[in-house]
Amino acid sequence: MKFVKLITVLQGLLFGNEAISYSNETLREHHNNLGNCGVDKSPISVVYEGIGKIETYPWLGVLIYPSNDKRYITSVVLVTRQIVIASAMDIDKLPKQDFRARSRVVLGQNCSNPGIRVKDYSYHPDYNINTYSTLALIQLETNYLMTYLQPICAPPRALDRPRFYVMTIDDCKRSTIKIHKMAYVDPEQCKIFYKRTELDIEKMWPTHSVCAKALTGVECVWSSGAALVLRQNNKWSLIGLGIYGPGCKAPSRFLEYSQYKPWILNSIARIGRPTVSRISTSHIILRRSLSNVQRYGPCDPEEVKAELFTDRTKIERGPTYKKQRVRYNFTIFSNLEYSCVVFRVYHYKRAKWFKDKPYIRLKRWCQSPKPICYSFQLLQIDFAVEIFFKESVVYQVMAYGREVRLIDMKKLMGRVNARKPYPPVVVGAD
């Protein structure tokens, strides 16, 4: 275990964030450290309904995106020492030209305080396919080994006289938050309410949800990101993250966090593995980052700022009208971060009467024994690009990213030695 920890420290120093790979034991230690999660800074054990201070809850915060004279703000909750979650729809509607560079996350303080930079973000696979109401995972630009952050706990396996609350942030410039005592609402009763009020929009229903309402007050509207939390044995646990809609005394829908937790853990465990997104039959996107969470879908503007390589190849059809196939090899190397690699194939002549569109396929190419081929923690990974076509086509590949910064061995050894306990000095008697 000491060896695993040393490797994790070395990788964290090398990549400035989480380690590339984790053992099961490391993951459990990293995410289920119950001694550090779910704490608050309240001097009393009683939680009063009404107004509270955000400084009391170090796992509650906001993401801020400044744009010209306007600031976009959405609520977030810290669920691990490097990950906050937010509404996927809120994050998706923010401009992506420089989202990572300009966004900041402020935790446990009002938003006039300095924030933590955003390293990357990813949407749950359900987003925009099955529902708009799902989670976005936001990776913070911080080394969890060096920075002391206190996440909220995951829901407990057993309930022992739990108390449920919702915490909302209306004005991040102030330190005040609103706290509501909540009661569970049966799922059928929740659906009846939304049908009666004509708010039963299919695409807005979460895949996994829990419903609750405030014990006091009147009906109101809550913004996305209201945190449904549970306090048990002086520990706070996240039950759900609210979606935009009815709140207060009205039944409110929350994304059930326990159903999304495995996705978050898998996202961290898969750091360093390539991802492949098929945009269309003739358009594929490959990503591979050694320190960022996995991302899917089209490239955003920030991902294509630094060009590594680009090439266009014209492929002439042979003397036949049958479907033809060509193959190209593509290799990614460990000294480069590939934020986005675009593979496209299209007809050289864009004639309207072409019925058969070209098709592109990307697959792993490996001649080593299977256990080695299944690994992605290698110095280089080879892919085979297969193109199927009937008419002459153009094959285009565009690679974007950056070179990984090399480790400073002198600085590394200094930090490692600083962490080592020194033996006591014993002064002998004359």
Protein backbone atom coordinates (compact mmCIF):
# COMPACT_ATOMS: atom_id res chain seq x y z
CA MET A 1 0.00 0.00 0.00
CA LYS A 2 2.89 2.37 0.74
CA PHE A 3 4.21 1.73 -2.77
CA VAL A 4 0.79 2.58 -4.28
CA LYS A 5 0.67 5.80 -2.29
CA LEU A 6 4.18 6.76 -3.43
CA ILE A 7 3.23 6.16 -7.07
CA THR A 8 0.08 8.26 -6.56
CA VAL A 9 2.18 11.10 -5.11
CA LEU A 10 4.63 10.95 -8.04
CA GLN A 11 1.83 10.94 -10.62
CA GLY A 12 0.03 13.77 -8.83
CA LEU A 13 3.17 15.87 -8.89
CA LEU A 14 3.81 15.01 -12.53
CA PHE A 15 0.34 15.79 -13.85
CA GLY A 16 -0.72 18.45 -11.34
CA ASN A 17 -3.89 16.57 -10.44
CA GLU A 18 -5.22 13.10 -9.80
CA ALA A 19 -3.09 10.05 -10.52
CA ILE A 20 -3.51 8.24 -13.83
CA SER A 21 -4.72 4.98 -12.36
CA TYR A 22 -6.16 3.82 -9.08
CA SER A 23 -6.32 0.51 -7.31
CA ASN A 24 -9.67 -0.45 -5.78
CA GLU A 25 -8.19 0.17 -2.35
CA THR A 26 -7.05 3.67 -3.34
CA LEU A 27 -10.49 4.52 -4.72
CA ARG A 28 -12.21 3.38 -1.54
CA GLU A 29 -9.79 5.38 0.57
CA HIS A 30 -10.15 8.46 -1.63
CA HIS A 31 -13.96 8.56 -1.80
CA ASN A 32 -15.17 6.89 1.37
CA ASN A 33 -13.02 8.58 3.97
CA LEU A 34 -15.90 9.06 6.37
CA GLY A 35 -13.71 10.85 8.87
CA ASN A 36 -13.38 13.85 6.55
CA CYS A 37 -16.66 13.98 4.62
CA GLY A 38 -19.93 15.61 5.59
CA VAL A 39 -18.58 17.88 8.32
CA ASP A 40 -19.82 21.36 9.10
CA LYS A 41 -18.36 24.24 11.09
CA SER A 42 -21.38 24.91 13.28
CA PRO A 43 -20.63 25.28 17.02
CA ILE A 44 -24.03 23.72 17.83
CA SER A 45 -25.66 20.46 16.78
CA VAL A 46 -29.11 21.95 16.11
CA VAL A 47 -29.98 22.96 12.53
CA TYR A 48 -32.51 25.79 12.39
CA GLU A 49 -34.83 26.35 9.47
CA GLY A 50 -34.56 29.72 7.76
CA ILE A 51 -31.29 31.56 7.18
CA GLY A 52 -27.87 29.95 7.50
CA LYS A 53 -24.25 30.84 6.71
CA ILE A 54 -22.53 29.24 3.73
CA GLU A 55 -19.23 29.31 5.66
CA THR A 56 -20.76 26.59 7.87
CA TYR A 57 -20.90 24.13 4.97
CA PRO A 58 -17.52 23.67 3.20
CA TRP A 59 -19.01 21.34 0.56
CA LEU A 60 -21.62 23.82 -0.71
CA GLY A 61 -20.75 26.43 -3.31
CA VAL A 62 -21.22 28.03 -6.71
CA LEU A 63 -19.61 27.99 -10.14
CA ILE A 64 -19.06 31.48 -11.55
CA TYR A 65 -18.56 32.29 -15.23
CA PRO A 66 -17.92 36.01 -15.97
CA SER A 67 -18.93 37.21 -19.43
CA ASN A 68 -18.51 40.92 -20.25
CA ASP A 69 -20.60 42.77 -17.66
CA LYS A 70 -22.61 39.70 -16.63
CA ARG A 71 -21.79 36.83 -14.32
CA TYR A 72 -23.43 33.42 -14.76
CA ILE A 73 -23.81 31.52 -11.51
CA THR A 74 -24.98 27.99 -10.75
CA SER A 75 -24.93 26.00 -7.51
CA VAL A 76 -22.49 23.11 -7.04
CA VAL A 77 -21.81 20.47 -4.39
CA LEU A 78 -18.38 19.00 -3.64
CA VAL A 79 -18.69 15.18 -3.73
CA THR A 80 -14.99 14.20 -3.81
CA ARG A 81 -11.84 16.19 -3.16
CA GLN A 82 -11.53 17.10 -6.83
CA ILE A 83 -15.09 16.84 -8.20
CA VAL A 84 -18.16 19.05 -7.86
CA ILE A 85 -21.49 18.28 -9.48
CA ALA A 86 -23.98 20.68 -11.01
CA SER A 87 -26.99 20.74 -13.31
CA ALA A 88 -25.94 19.53 -16.79
CA MET A 89 -28.41 21.92 -18.44
CA ASP A 90 -26.97 24.91 -16.53
CA ILE A 91 -23.40 24.05 -17.53
CA ASP A 92 -24.35 23.29 -21.15
CA LYS A 93 -25.91 26.71 -21.73
CA LEU A 94 -22.76 28.57 -20.61
CA PRO A 95 -20.44 29.84 -23.40
CA LYS A 96 -17.64 27.34 -24.09
CA GLN A 97 -15.17 29.62 -25.86
CA ASP A 98 -13.06 29.89 -22.71
CA PHE A 99 -15.12 28.08 -20.11
CA ARG A 100 -12.23 26.31 -18.37
CA ALA A 101 -10.01 29.39 -18.33
CA ARG A 102 -12.56 31.83 -16.93
CA SER A 103 -14.79 29.72 -14.68
CA ARG A 104 -14.15 29.52 -10.95
CA VAL A 105 -15.69 27.37 -8.21
CA VAL A 106 -16.08 28.92 -4.75
CA LEU A 107 -16.79 26.49 -1.90
CA GLY A 108 -17.90 27.28 1.64
CA GLN A 109 -17.67 31.05 1.09
CA ASN A 110 -19.53 33.82 -0.67
CA CYS A 111 -18.48 34.44 -4.26
CA SER A 112 -16.48 37.58 -3.48
CA ASN A 113 -13.71 35.21 -2.35
CA PRO A 114 -11.11 33.63 -4.67
CA GLY A 115 -12.20 30.46 -6.43
CA ILE A 116 -10.68 27.25 -7.78
CA ARG A 117 -10.06 26.92 -11.52
CA VAL A 118 -11.98 24.38 -13.61
CA LYS A 119 -9.80 21.67 -15.17
CA ASP A 120 -12.49 19.91 -17.20
CA TYR A 121 -16.14 18.93 -17.26
CA SER A 122 -18.28 16.07 -18.51
CA TYR A 123 -21.99 15.35 -18.87
CA HIS A 124 -23.73 12.19 -17.77
CA PRO A 125 -24.41 9.92 -20.80
CA ASP A 126 -28.17 10.43 -20.35
CA TYR A 127 -27.93 14.14 -21.14
CA ASN A 128 -29.65 15.29 -24.31
CA ILE A 129 -30.48 11.67 -25.21
CA ASN A 130 -32.94 10.50 -22.58
CA THR A 131 -33.39 13.67 -20.53
CA TYR A 132 -32.13 17.23 -20.03
CA SER A 133 -32.33 16.79 -16.26
CA THR A 134 -29.10 15.09 -15.26
CA LEU A 135 -25.71 15.84 -13.77
CA ALA A 136 -22.55 17.51 -15.00
CA LEU A 137 -19.27 16.47 -13.42
CA ILE A 138 -16.74 19.31 -12.98
CA GLN A 139 -13.11 18.50 -12.26
CA LEU A 140 -11.28 21.12 -10.22
CA GLU A 141 -7.78 22.34 -11.04
CA THR A 142 -6.38 21.30 -7.69
CA ASN A 143 -4.16 18.55 -6.38
CA TYR A 144 -6.14 16.65 -3.77
CA LEU A 145 -2.86 15.61 -2.12
CA MET A 146 -1.93 19.24 -1.50
CA THR A 147 -5.29 20.98 -1.09
CA TYR A 148 -7.56 20.37 1.88
CA LEU A 149 -11.16 20.17 0.67
CA GLN A 150 -14.02 18.60 2.61
CA PRO A 151 -16.66 16.89 0.43
CA ILE A 152 -20.13 15.88 1.49
CA CYS A 153 -20.76 12.19 2.24
CA ALA A 154 -22.63 9.78 0.00
CA PRO A 155 -26.05 8.61 1.29
CA PRO A 156 -25.77 6.15 4.20
CA ARG A 157 -26.80 2.54 3.70
CA ALA A 158 -29.11 2.60 6.73
CA LEU A 159 -31.20 5.46 8.09
CA ASP A 160 -31.28 6.21 11.82
CA ARG A 161 -33.69 9.05 12.64
CA PRO A 162 -32.54 11.13 9.67
CA ARG A 163 -33.39 14.80 9.18
CA PHE A 164 -33.80 16.08 5.63
CA TYR A 165 -33.11 19.63 4.47
CA VAL A 166 -32.79 21.63 1.27
CA MET A 167 -30.16 24.35 1.01
CA THR A 168 -30.47 27.05 -1.64
CA ILE A 169 -28.23 29.97 -2.61
CA ASP A 170 -30.13 33.02 -3.89
CA ASP A 171 -27.37 35.65 -3.87
CA CYS A 172 -23.79 34.35 -3.89
CA LYS A 173 -22.38 37.77 -2.99
CA ARG A 174 -23.87 37.37 0.46
CA SER A 175 -22.94 34.64 2.91
CA THR A 176 -26.55 33.71 3.64
CA ILE A 177 -28.27 30.55 2.41
CA LYS A 178 -31.83 29.36 2.90
CA ILE A 179 -32.48 26.13 4.79
CA HIS A 180 -35.80 24.28 4.49
CA LYS A 181 -36.90 21.23 6.49
CA MET A 182 -38.18 18.64 4.04
CA ALA A 183 -40.55 15.69 3.90
CA TYR A 184 -40.45 12.77 1.45
CA VAL A 185 -43.14 12.70 -1.27
CA ASP A 186 -44.30 9.41 -2.80
CA PRO A 187 -43.26 9.16 -6.51
CA GLU A 188 -46.86 8.59 -7.66
CA GLN A 189 -48.10 11.64 -5.77
CA CYS A 190 -45.23 13.63 -7.28
CA LYS A 191 -46.23 12.62 -10.83
CA ILE A 192 -49.88 13.45 -10.15
CA PHE A 193 -48.87 16.98 -9.06
CA TYR A 194 -46.80 17.59 -12.22
CA LYS A 195 -49.54 16.25 -14.50
CA ARG A 196 -52.15 18.41 -12.82
CA THR A 197 -49.99 21.54 -13.17
CA GLU A 198 -49.10 20.63 -16.80
CA LEU A 199 -45.40 20.50 -15.95
CA ASP A 200 -45.08 16.83 -16.86
CA ILE A 201 -42.60 17.32 -19.72
CA GLU A 202 -41.04 14.00 -20.65
CA LYS A 203 -37.58 15.35 -21.46
CA MET A 204 -37.43 17.17 -18.11
CA TRP A 205 -38.06 14.06 -16.00
CA PRO A 206 -34.80 12.73 -14.53
CA THR A 207 -33.92 9.11 -15.16
CA HIS A 208 -33.31 8.71 -11.41
CA SER A 209 -35.23 11.04 -9.12
CA VAL A 210 -36.52 11.55 -5.61
CA CYS A 211 -39.32 13.92 -4.65
CA ALA A 212 -39.65 16.05 -1.49
CA LYS A 213 -41.42 19.17 -0.27
CA ALA A 214 -40.87 21.75 2.48
CA LEU A 215 -42.78 21.33 5.74
CA THR A 216 -43.57 25.04 5.99
CA GLY A 217 -44.00 28.06 3.74
CA VAL A 218 -45.77 28.51 0.41
CA GLU A 219 -45.15 27.25 -3.12
CA CYS A 220 -42.26 28.83 -4.99
CA VAL A 221 -39.76 28.16 -7.79
CA TRP A 222 -36.26 26.88 -7.14
CA SER A 223 -33.31 27.25 -9.47
CA SER A 224 -31.26 24.24 -10.47
CA GLY A 225 -28.76 22.98 -7.93
CA ALA A 226 -30.76 23.10 -4.71
CA ALA A 227 -29.07 20.53 -2.45
CA LEU A 228 -31.30 17.92 -0.77
CA VAL A 229 -29.19 16.79 2.17
CA LEU A 230 -29.54 14.49 5.16
CA ARG A 231 -28.04 14.92 8.61
CA GLN A 232 -27.40 11.76 10.57
CA ASN A 233 -24.93 11.15 13.39
CA ASN A 234 -23.54 14.67 12.89
CA LYS A 235 -22.63 13.89 9.28
CA TRP A 236 -24.13 15.49 6.17
CA SER A 237 -24.96 13.31 3.17
CA LEU A 238 -26.14 14.32 -0.30
CA ILE A 239 -29.48 12.79 -1.28
CA GLY A 240 -30.16 14.75 -4.45
CA LEU A 241 -29.51 17.83 -6.57
CA GLY A 242 -32.57 19.87 -7.52
CA ILE A 243 -33.72 20.66 -11.05
CA TYR A 244 -35.37 23.93 -12.04
CA GLY A 245 -39.05 23.97 -11.15
CA PRO A 246 -41.57 24.03 -8.29
CA GLY A 247 -40.10 24.30 -4.81
CA CYS A 248 -40.78 25.15 -1.17
CA LYS A 249 -44.20 23.71 -0.25
CA ALA A 250 -44.68 22.23 -3.75
CA PRO A 251 -43.24 18.76 -4.53
CA SER A 252 -39.73 19.25 -5.91
CA ARG A 253 -37.74 16.81 -8.03
CA PHE A 254 -34.14 16.00 -7.25
CA LEU A 255 -31.57 13.95 -9.14
CA GLU A 256 -31.00 10.92 -6.89
CA TYR A 257 -27.27 11.10 -6.14
CA SER A 258 -26.84 7.46 -5.08
CA GLN A 259 -27.72 6.39 -8.65
CA TYR A 260 -25.08 8.70 -10.16
CA LYS A 261 -22.25 7.99 -7.72
CA PRO A 262 -20.97 4.91 -9.64
CA TRP A 263 -20.66 7.06 -12.78
CA ILE A 264 -18.55 9.62 -10.87
CA LEU A 265 -16.27 6.93 -9.42
CA ASN A 266 -15.88 5.29 -12.82
CA SER A 267 -15.10 8.66 -14.41
CA ILE A 268 -12.20 9.15 -12.01
CA ALA A 269 -11.00 5.55 -12.36
CA ARG A 270 -10.96 5.92 -16.17
CA ILE A 271 -8.69 8.97 -16.22
CA GLY A 272 -6.02 8.29 -18.84
CA ARG A 273 -8.15 6.04 -21.05
CA PRO A 274 -9.12 7.17 -24.56
CA THR A 275 -12.73 7.95 -25.40
CA VAL A 276 -14.35 7.61 -28.82
CA SER A 277 -17.48 9.56 -29.83
CA ARG A 278 -19.29 8.77 -33.07
CA ILE A 279 -20.86 12.01 -34.30
CA SER A 280 -22.08 10.46 -37.57
CA THR A 281 -21.21 7.55 -39.87
CA SER A 282 -18.40 9.63 -41.37
CA HIS A 283 -17.29 11.61 -38.31
CA ILE A 284 -15.50 10.26 -35.19
CA ILE A 285 -13.81 12.08 -32.31
CA LEU A 286 -11.07 10.59 -30.15
CA ARG A 287 -9.82 12.03 -26.85
CA ARG A 288 -7.05 10.95 -24.55
CA SER A 289 -5.93 12.95 -21.52
CA LEU A 290 -3.62 11.60 -18.82
CA SER A 291 -5.02 13.79 -16.07
CA ASN A 292 -8.54 14.87 -17.10
CA VAL A 293 -11.86 13.10 -16.70
CA GLN A 294 -13.24 11.45 -19.81
CA ARG A 295 -15.31 13.58 -22.19
CA TYR A 296 -17.59 12.64 -25.08
CA GLY A 297 -19.37 14.46 -27.88
CA PRO A 298 -18.23 17.21 -30.28
CA CYS A 299 -15.10 19.26 -29.62
CA ASP A 300 -15.75 22.53 -27.83
CA PRO A 301 -13.87 25.72 -28.85
CA GLU A 302 -11.35 25.47 -26.00
CA GLU A 303 -10.33 21.96 -27.02
CA VAL A 304 -9.24 23.00 -30.52
CA LYS A 305 -7.06 26.00 -29.68
CA ALA A 306 -3.70 24.23 -29.96
CA GLU A 307 -3.16 22.21 -33.13
CA LEU A 308 -0.80 19.23 -32.98
CA PHE A 309 -1.26 17.72 -36.42
CA THR A 310 -3.54 17.97 -39.45
CA ASP A 311 -3.69 16.06 -42.72
CA ARG A 312 -6.00 15.68 -45.72
CA THR A 313 -5.71 12.71 -48.07
CA LYS A 314 -7.64 12.19 -51.29
CA ILE A 315 -8.63 8.56 -51.85
CA GLU A 316 -9.55 7.66 -55.45
CA ARG A 317 -12.03 4.87 -56.05
CA GLY A 318 -10.84 1.82 -57.93
CA PRO A 319 -12.19 0.53 -61.28
CA THR A 320 -15.33 -0.89 -59.68
CA TYR A 321 -18.58 0.40 -58.24
CA LYS A 322 -18.54 -2.09 -55.38
CA LYS A 323 -17.87 -0.85 -51.84
CA GLN A 324 -14.15 -0.44 -51.25
CA ARG A 325 -12.06 -0.30 -48.10
CA VAL A 326 -8.79 1.35 -47.13
CA ARG A 327 -7.02 1.34 -43.79
CA TYR A 328 -4.79 3.91 -42.09
CA ASN A 329 -2.93 3.63 -38.79
CA PHE A 330 -3.01 6.30 -36.12
CA THR A 331 -0.83 6.32 -32.98
CA ILE A 332 -1.19 8.40 -29.83
CA PHE A 333 1.81 8.92 -27.53
CA SER A 334 2.02 9.34 -23.76
CA ASN A 335 3.95 12.64 -23.95
CA LEU A 336 0.96 14.39 -25.54
CA GLU A 337 -2.47 15.31 -24.20
CA TYR A 338 -5.01 14.83 -27.00
CA SER A 339 -7.88 17.13 -26.14
CA CYS A 340 -9.65 16.31 -29.43
CA VAL A 341 -8.73 14.27 -32.49
CA VAL A 342 -11.21 14.58 -35.37
CA PHE A 343 -11.51 11.86 -38.05
CA ARG A 344 -13.72 12.75 -41.02
CA VAL A 345 -14.35 11.34 -44.45
CA TYR A 346 -16.47 12.97 -47.14
CA HIS A 347 -17.03 12.78 -50.91
CA TYR A 348 -14.43 14.59 -52.97
CA LYS A 349 -17.16 15.76 -55.34
CA ARG A 350 -20.30 16.73 -53.47
CA ALA A 351 -22.70 15.40 -56.09
CA LYS A 352 -26.34 15.25 -55.01
CA TRP A 353 -26.89 11.90 -56.68
CA PHE A 354 -24.39 10.11 -54.40
CA LYS A 355 -26.64 7.84 -52.33
CA ASP A 356 -24.02 5.79 -50.51
CA LYS A 357 -22.26 7.94 -47.97
CA PRO A 358 -18.74 6.99 -46.88
CA TYR A 359 -18.34 5.23 -43.56
CA ILE A 360 -15.44 5.45 -41.10
CA ARG A 361 -14.53 3.05 -38.30
CA LEU A 362 -11.91 3.31 -35.58
CA LYS A 363 -10.64 0.32 -33.64
CA ARG A 364 -7.75 -0.58 -31.39
CA TRP A 365 -4.84 -2.22 -33.21
CA CYS A 366 -2.58 -4.39 -31.12
CA GLN A 367 -0.44 -7.43 -31.90
CA SER A 368 0.69 -8.08 -28.32
CA PRO A 369 -0.85 -10.70 -25.99
CA LYS A 370 -4.42 -9.87 -24.94
CA PRO A 371 -3.70 -8.70 -21.36
CA ILE A 372 -1.30 -6.09 -22.74
CA CYS A 373 -3.74 -5.03 -25.48
CA TYR A 374 -6.47 -4.42 -22.92
CA SER A 375 -4.29 -1.91 -21.05
CA PHE A 376 -4.36 1.80 -21.90
CA GLN A 377 -1.51 2.87 -19.59
CA LEU A 378 1.11 2.48 -22.34
CA LEU A 379 3.73 4.73 -23.94
CA GLN A 380 1.80 4.56 -27.19
CA ILE A 381 -1.56 3.24 -28.33
CA ASP A 382 -2.20 2.25 -31.94
CA PHE A 383 -5.51 2.54 -33.74
CA ALA A 384 -6.67 1.35 -37.14
CA VAL A 385 -8.84 3.75 -39.15
CA GLU A 386 -10.99 1.89 -41.70
CA ILE A 387 -12.80 3.79 -44.47
CA PHE A 388 -15.57 2.26 -46.62
CA PHE A 389 -16.64 4.09 -49.80
CA LYS A 390 -17.88 3.77 -53.38
CA GLU A 391 -16.93 7.17 -54.80
CA SER A 392 -13.69 9.13 -54.37
CA VAL A 393 -13.42 10.61 -50.87
CA VAL A 394 -11.24 12.87 -48.75
CA TYR A 395 -9.93 11.52 -45.44
CA GLN A 396 -9.15 14.26 -42.93
CA VAL A 397 -7.57 14.00 -39.48
CA MET A 398 -7.05 16.96 -37.13
CA ALA A 399 -5.36 16.50 -33.76
CA TYR A 400 -5.46 19.12 -30.99
CA GLY A 401 -3.88 19.17 -27.56
CA ARG A 402 -0.62 19.95 -25.82
CA GLU A 403 2.65 18.39 -24.77
CA VAL A 404 2.74 17.06 -21.22
CA ARG A 405 5.09 19.03 -19.00
CA LEU A 406 8.06 17.02 -17.83
CA ILE A 407 8.75 16.38 -14.19
CA ASP A 408 11.38 18.39 -12.36
CA MET A 409 13.29 15.65 -10.52
CA LYS A 410 14.97 18.08 -8.13
CA LYS A 411 11.60 19.55 -7.11
CA LEU A 412 10.07 16.08 -6.92
CA MET A 413 12.71 14.73 -4.55
CA GLY A 414 12.39 17.85 -2.43
CA ARG A 415 8.66 17.31 -2.02
CA VAL A 416 9.03 13.58 -1.37
CA ASN A 417 11.70 14.21 1.25
CA ALA A 418 9.55 16.89 2.88
CA ARG A 419 6.85 14.26 3.44
CA LYS A 420 9.20 11.70 5.00
CA PRO A 421 9.31 11.53 8.81
CA TYR A 422 12.76 12.20 10.15
CA PRO A 423 14.15 9.98 12.93
CA PRO A 424 14.50 11.64 16.32
CA VAL A 425 17.94 12.93 17.27
CA VAL A 426 19.23 11.13 20.37
CA VAL A 427 21.93 12.91 22.31
CA GLY A 428 24.12 10.40 24.12
CA ALA A 429 25.49 10.98 27.60
CA ASP A 430 29.22 11.52 27.99
